[in-house]
N, C-alpha and C. Protein backbone atom coordinates (compact mmCIF):
# COMPACT_ATOMS: atom_id res chain seq x y z
N MET A 1 3.13 -2.05 -9.49
CA MET A 1 3.87 -1.27 -8.69
C MET A 1 3.47 -1.11 -7.52
N VAL A 2 4.27 -1.30 -6.65
CA VAL A 2 4.08 -1.12 -5.07
C VAL A 2 4.81 0.03 -4.44
N SER A 3 3.94 1.19 -3.83
CA SER A 3 4.71 2.40 -3.52
C SER A 3 4.43 2.59 -2.03
N ALA A 4 3.65 1.90 -1.38
CA ALA A 4 3.11 2.37 -0.14
C ALA A 4 3.72 1.40 0.97
N LEU A 5 4.59 2.00 1.87
CA LEU A 5 5.41 1.20 2.62
C LEU A 5 5.29 1.86 4.02
N ALA A 6 5.47 1.04 5.30
CA ALA A 6 5.41 1.46 6.55
C ALA A 6 4.60 2.27 7.08
N SER A 7 4.83 3.52 7.19
CA SER A 7 3.66 4.55 7.98
C SER A 7 2.62 4.79 6.67
N SER A 8 2.80 4.80 5.65
CA SER A 8 1.46 4.93 4.83
C SER A 8 0.91 3.78 4.74
N THR A 9 1.33 2.60 4.91
CA THR A 9 0.47 1.29 5.13
C THR A 9 -0.21 1.36 6.28
N SER A 10 0.38 1.91 7.62
CA SER A 10 -0.34 1.93 8.78
C SER A 10 -1.58 2.81 8.74
N ILE A 11 -1.34 3.83 8.14
CA ILE A 11 -2.36 5.04 7.86
C ILE A 11 -3.53 4.12 7.22
N MET A 12 -3.24 3.50 6.11
CA MET A 12 -4.41 2.65 5.42
C MET A 12 -4.98 1.62 6.31
N GLY A 13 -4.09 0.94 7.08
CA GLY A 13 -4.82 -0.04 7.79
C GLY A 13 -5.65 0.86 8.85
N ILE A 14 -5.50 1.81 9.33
CA ILE A 14 -6.50 2.61 10.38
C ILE A 14 -7.62 3.02 9.53
N THR A 15 -7.39 3.32 8.28
CA THR A 15 -8.49 3.71 7.42
C THR A 15 -9.37 2.59 7.24
N GLU A 16 -8.92 1.40 6.85
CA GLU A 16 -9.59 0.22 6.52
C GLU A 16 -10.42 -0.27 7.91
N HIS A 17 -9.85 -0.48 9.05
CA HIS A 17 -10.21 -0.84 10.03
C HIS A 17 -11.32 -0.29 10.63
N TYR A 18 -11.38 1.16 10.59
CA TYR A 18 -12.31 2.09 11.13
C TYR A 18 -13.33 2.49 10.24
N ASP A 19 -13.00 1.92 8.90
CA ASP A 19 -14.01 2.37 7.77
C ASP A 19 -14.10 3.93 7.59
N LEU A 20 -13.15 4.55 7.47
CA LEU A 20 -12.87 5.93 7.54
C LEU A 20 -13.06 6.52 6.09
N GLY A 21 -13.19 5.71 5.06
CA GLY A 21 -13.49 6.27 3.77
C GLY A 21 -13.24 4.94 3.00
N THR A 22 -13.61 5.18 1.53
CA THR A 22 -13.40 4.16 0.46
C THR A 22 -11.82 4.27 -0.20
N ILE A 23 -11.22 3.15 0.13
CA ILE A 23 -9.80 3.09 -0.49
C ILE A 23 -9.84 2.88 -2.01
N VAL A 24 -9.21 3.89 -2.65
CA VAL A 24 -8.81 3.81 -4.18
C VAL A 24 -7.64 3.62 -4.46
N GLY A 25 -7.22 2.68 -5.53
CA GLY A 25 -5.86 2.55 -5.88
C GLY A 25 -5.36 1.10 -5.87
N GLN A 26 -4.02 0.89 -5.64
CA GLN A 26 -3.38 -0.50 -5.41
C GLN A 26 -3.42 -1.04 -4.01
N PRO A 27 -3.08 -2.26 -3.80
CA PRO A 27 -2.84 -2.73 -2.51
C PRO A 27 -1.50 -2.28 -1.93
N THR A 28 -1.36 -2.07 -0.74
CA THR A 28 -0.01 -1.79 0.01
C THR A 28 0.69 -2.95 -0.06
N ALA A 29 1.85 -2.61 0.25
CA ALA A 29 2.93 -3.93 0.13
C ALA A 29 2.73 -4.97 1.28
N GLY A 30 2.25 -4.52 2.39
CA GLY A 30 2.14 -5.45 3.43
C GLY A 30 3.55 -5.84 3.99
N ALA A 31 4.54 -4.81 4.09
CA ALA A 31 5.77 -4.89 4.66
C ALA A 31 6.15 -3.86 5.92
N ASN A 32 5.15 -3.95 6.64
CA ASN A 32 5.69 -3.12 7.99
C ASN A 32 6.55 -4.10 8.62
N GLY A 33 7.32 -3.28 9.94
CA GLY A 33 7.84 -3.98 10.80
C GLY A 33 9.32 -3.39 11.00
N ASN A 34 10.01 -3.92 11.90
CA ASN A 34 11.66 -3.41 12.19
C ASN A 34 12.44 -4.05 10.77
N VAL A 35 13.27 -3.27 10.35
CA VAL A 35 14.11 -3.54 9.35
C VAL A 35 15.37 -4.03 9.88
N ASN A 36 15.87 -5.32 9.55
CA ASN A 36 17.05 -5.91 9.92
C ASN A 36 18.13 -5.94 8.67
N PRO A 37 19.14 -5.08 8.65
CA PRO A 37 19.95 -5.00 7.59
C PRO A 37 21.10 -5.90 8.23
N LEU A 38 21.84 -6.60 6.97
CA LEU A 38 23.00 -7.41 7.13
C LEU A 38 23.92 -7.28 5.95
N GLU A 39 25.02 -6.71 6.42
CA GLU A 39 26.11 -6.55 5.13
C GLU A 39 26.75 -7.70 4.96
N LEU A 40 26.93 -8.08 3.71
CA LEU A 40 27.60 -9.40 3.19
C LEU A 40 28.99 -9.11 2.74
N PRO A 41 29.82 -10.30 2.56
CA PRO A 41 30.99 -10.04 1.98
C PRO A 41 30.80 -9.40 0.49
N GLY A 42 31.78 -8.60 -0.10
CA GLY A 42 31.36 -8.17 -1.42
C GLY A 42 30.46 -6.78 -1.48
N GLN A 43 30.23 -6.18 -0.25
CA GLN A 43 29.44 -5.03 0.08
C GLN A 43 27.86 -5.38 -0.54
N TYR A 44 27.54 -6.59 -0.40
CA TYR A 44 26.12 -6.80 -0.53
C TYR A 44 25.43 -6.43 0.89
N GLN A 45 24.16 -6.06 0.60
CA GLN A 45 23.37 -6.02 1.77
C GLN A 45 21.80 -6.56 1.68
N VAL A 46 21.60 -7.44 2.55
CA VAL A 46 20.31 -7.88 2.63
C VAL A 46 19.58 -7.55 3.70
N SER A 47 18.23 -7.30 3.75
CA SER A 47 17.37 -6.85 4.97
C SER A 47 16.18 -7.51 4.78
N TRP A 48 15.23 -7.73 5.86
CA TRP A 48 14.16 -8.46 6.02
C TRP A 48 13.59 -7.98 7.41
N THR A 49 12.28 -8.06 7.56
CA THR A 49 11.68 -7.64 8.79
C THR A 49 11.64 -8.93 9.71
N SER A 50 11.71 -8.73 10.91
CA SER A 50 11.76 -9.58 11.99
C SER A 50 10.38 -9.56 12.92
N MET A 51 9.26 -8.81 12.39
CA MET A 51 8.36 -8.45 13.16
C MET A 51 7.15 -9.10 12.75
N ARG A 52 6.35 -9.69 13.58
CA ARG A 52 4.98 -10.22 12.81
C ARG A 52 4.04 -9.00 13.02
N VAL A 53 3.70 -8.71 11.91
CA VAL A 53 2.68 -7.39 11.87
C VAL A 53 1.33 -8.03 11.52
N GLN A 54 0.25 -7.76 12.51
CA GLN A 54 -0.99 -8.15 11.94
C GLN A 54 -1.94 -6.91 11.79
N LYS A 55 -2.93 -7.09 11.07
CA LYS A 55 -3.98 -6.06 10.88
C LYS A 55 -4.86 -5.96 12.16
N HIS A 56 -5.58 -4.77 12.42
CA HIS A 56 -6.28 -4.43 13.48
C HIS A 56 -7.05 -5.68 14.14
N ASP A 57 -7.64 -6.55 13.10
CA ASP A 57 -8.55 -7.54 13.39
C ASP A 57 -7.77 -8.77 14.05
N ARG A 58 -6.35 -8.62 13.86
CA ARG A 58 -5.40 -9.64 14.13
C ARG A 58 -5.16 -10.81 12.90
N SER A 59 -5.67 -10.46 11.72
CA SER A 59 -5.56 -11.34 10.51
C SER A 59 -4.23 -10.91 9.81
N ARG A 60 -3.72 -11.61 9.21
CA ARG A 60 -2.50 -11.68 8.56
C ARG A 60 -2.33 -10.31 7.58
N HIS A 61 -1.28 -9.54 7.93
CA HIS A 61 -0.85 -8.27 7.10
C HIS A 61 0.28 -8.38 6.24
N HIS A 62 1.23 -9.32 6.69
CA HIS A 62 2.42 -9.51 5.89
C HIS A 62 2.37 -10.03 4.60
N LEU A 63 2.76 -9.41 3.39
CA LEU A 63 2.72 -9.56 2.02
C LEU A 63 1.07 -9.74 1.72
N VAL A 64 0.30 -9.40 2.43
CA VAL A 64 -1.16 -9.13 2.17
C VAL A 64 -1.47 -7.54 1.96
N GLY A 65 -1.08 -6.61 2.93
CA GLY A 65 -1.19 -5.37 2.93
C GLY A 65 -2.68 -4.94 3.00
N ILE A 66 -2.89 -3.68 2.59
CA ILE A 66 -4.36 -3.20 2.60
C ILE A 66 -4.82 -3.30 1.35
N ARG A 67 -5.97 -3.83 1.00
CA ARG A 67 -6.60 -4.00 -0.45
C ARG A 67 -7.50 -2.75 -0.53
N PRO A 68 -7.48 -2.13 -1.62
CA PRO A 68 -8.39 -1.14 -1.85
C PRO A 68 -9.97 -1.44 -2.19
N ASP A 69 -10.78 -0.55 -1.78
CA ASP A 69 -12.36 -1.05 -2.25
C ASP A 69 -12.51 -0.95 -3.75
N VAL A 70 -11.73 0.15 -4.29
CA VAL A 70 -11.98 0.17 -5.81
C VAL A 70 -10.62 0.18 -6.29
N ARG A 71 -10.17 -0.64 -7.05
CA ARG A 71 -9.01 -0.84 -7.81
C ARG A 71 -8.76 0.29 -8.88
N ALA A 72 -7.54 0.95 -8.96
CA ALA A 72 -7.33 1.87 -9.96
C ALA A 72 -5.81 1.78 -10.16
N LYS A 73 -5.26 2.04 -11.24
CA LYS A 73 -4.15 1.87 -11.73
C LYS A 73 -3.61 3.00 -12.71
N ARG A 74 -2.40 3.59 -12.47
CA ARG A 74 -1.71 4.54 -13.34
C ARG A 74 -1.30 4.05 -14.64
N THR A 75 -1.26 4.37 -15.85
CA THR A 75 -0.80 3.79 -16.82
C THR A 75 0.07 4.80 -17.64
N LEU A 76 0.85 4.19 -18.37
CA LEU A 76 1.94 4.86 -19.33
C LEU A 76 1.03 5.92 -20.07
N GLU A 77 0.09 5.35 -20.89
CA GLU A 77 -0.72 6.24 -21.74
C GLU A 77 -1.24 7.37 -20.87
N GLY A 78 -1.86 7.35 -19.72
CA GLY A 78 -2.43 8.16 -18.94
C GLY A 78 -1.34 9.16 -18.56
N VAL A 79 0.01 8.67 -18.10
CA VAL A 79 0.94 9.66 -17.89
C VAL A 79 1.28 10.58 -19.02
N ARG A 80 1.49 9.84 -20.22
CA ARG A 80 1.77 10.45 -21.47
C ARG A 80 0.68 11.72 -21.77
N ALA A 81 -0.59 11.35 -21.41
CA ALA A 81 -1.50 12.17 -21.67
C ALA A 81 -1.72 13.39 -20.54
N GLY A 82 -1.03 13.39 -19.65
CA GLY A 82 -1.14 14.13 -18.43
C GLY A 82 -2.27 13.85 -17.47
N ARG A 83 -2.68 12.45 -17.39
CA ARG A 83 -3.94 12.19 -16.68
C ARG A 83 -3.45 11.56 -15.42
N ASP A 84 -4.11 11.30 -14.52
CA ASP A 84 -3.98 10.40 -13.21
C ASP A 84 -5.26 9.57 -13.10
N GLU A 85 -5.09 8.44 -13.49
CA GLU A 85 -6.32 7.56 -13.59
C GLU A 85 -6.85 7.32 -12.13
N VAL A 86 -5.86 7.10 -11.25
CA VAL A 86 -6.12 6.98 -9.82
C VAL A 86 -7.05 8.21 -9.12
N LEU A 87 -6.53 9.31 -9.47
CA LEU A 87 -7.49 10.57 -9.16
C LEU A 87 -8.54 10.69 -9.70
N GLU A 88 -8.66 10.35 -11.01
CA GLU A 88 -10.01 10.37 -11.82
C GLU A 88 -11.19 9.18 -11.12
N THR A 89 -10.46 7.97 -10.73
CA THR A 89 -11.05 7.16 -10.26
C THR A 89 -11.93 7.74 -8.86
N ALA A 90 -11.05 8.14 -7.97
CA ALA A 90 -11.36 8.69 -6.72
C ALA A 90 -12.37 9.73 -6.88
N VAL A 91 -12.37 10.73 -7.82
CA VAL A 91 -13.34 11.59 -8.10
C VAL A 91 -14.73 11.15 -8.28
N GLU A 92 -14.62 10.05 -9.31
CA GLU A 92 -15.80 9.17 -9.72
C GLU A 92 -16.47 8.48 -8.48
N VAL A 93 -15.76 8.01 -7.79
CA VAL A 93 -16.42 7.40 -6.65
C VAL A 93 -16.93 8.19 -5.66
N LEU A 94 -16.52 9.48 -5.38
CA LEU A 94 -17.07 10.54 -4.73
C LEU A 94 -18.32 11.08 -5.40
N ARG A 95 -18.19 11.10 -6.51
CA ARG A 95 -19.53 11.81 -7.41
C ARG A 95 -20.81 10.69 -7.09
N GLN A 96 -20.40 9.52 -7.10
CA GLN A 96 -21.59 8.37 -6.88
C GLN A 96 -21.88 8.26 -5.65
N LYS A 97 -21.30 8.91 -4.58
CA LYS A 97 -21.94 8.99 -3.08
C LYS A 97 -23.02 10.04 -2.87
């Protein structure tokens, strides 16, 4: 599941480029850019980005996004148990430093 778009992806890009901390979680969507909406007959809408967004080092960003240093994922079992595996992983990373 991807849940980081636009401004949050930009913040993560700054964090990645300037090595401001360890990124824990899932990759961002890599979907920054201006949105172009188009309404089609039948009230259908299509939208796309028309901007070539690059990472700070000029490498590809679109559909690549920001990759975490440590992957962590919430699970249905964790939610049912009232746990947040991503937060738990981040705390563990901090304890190891």
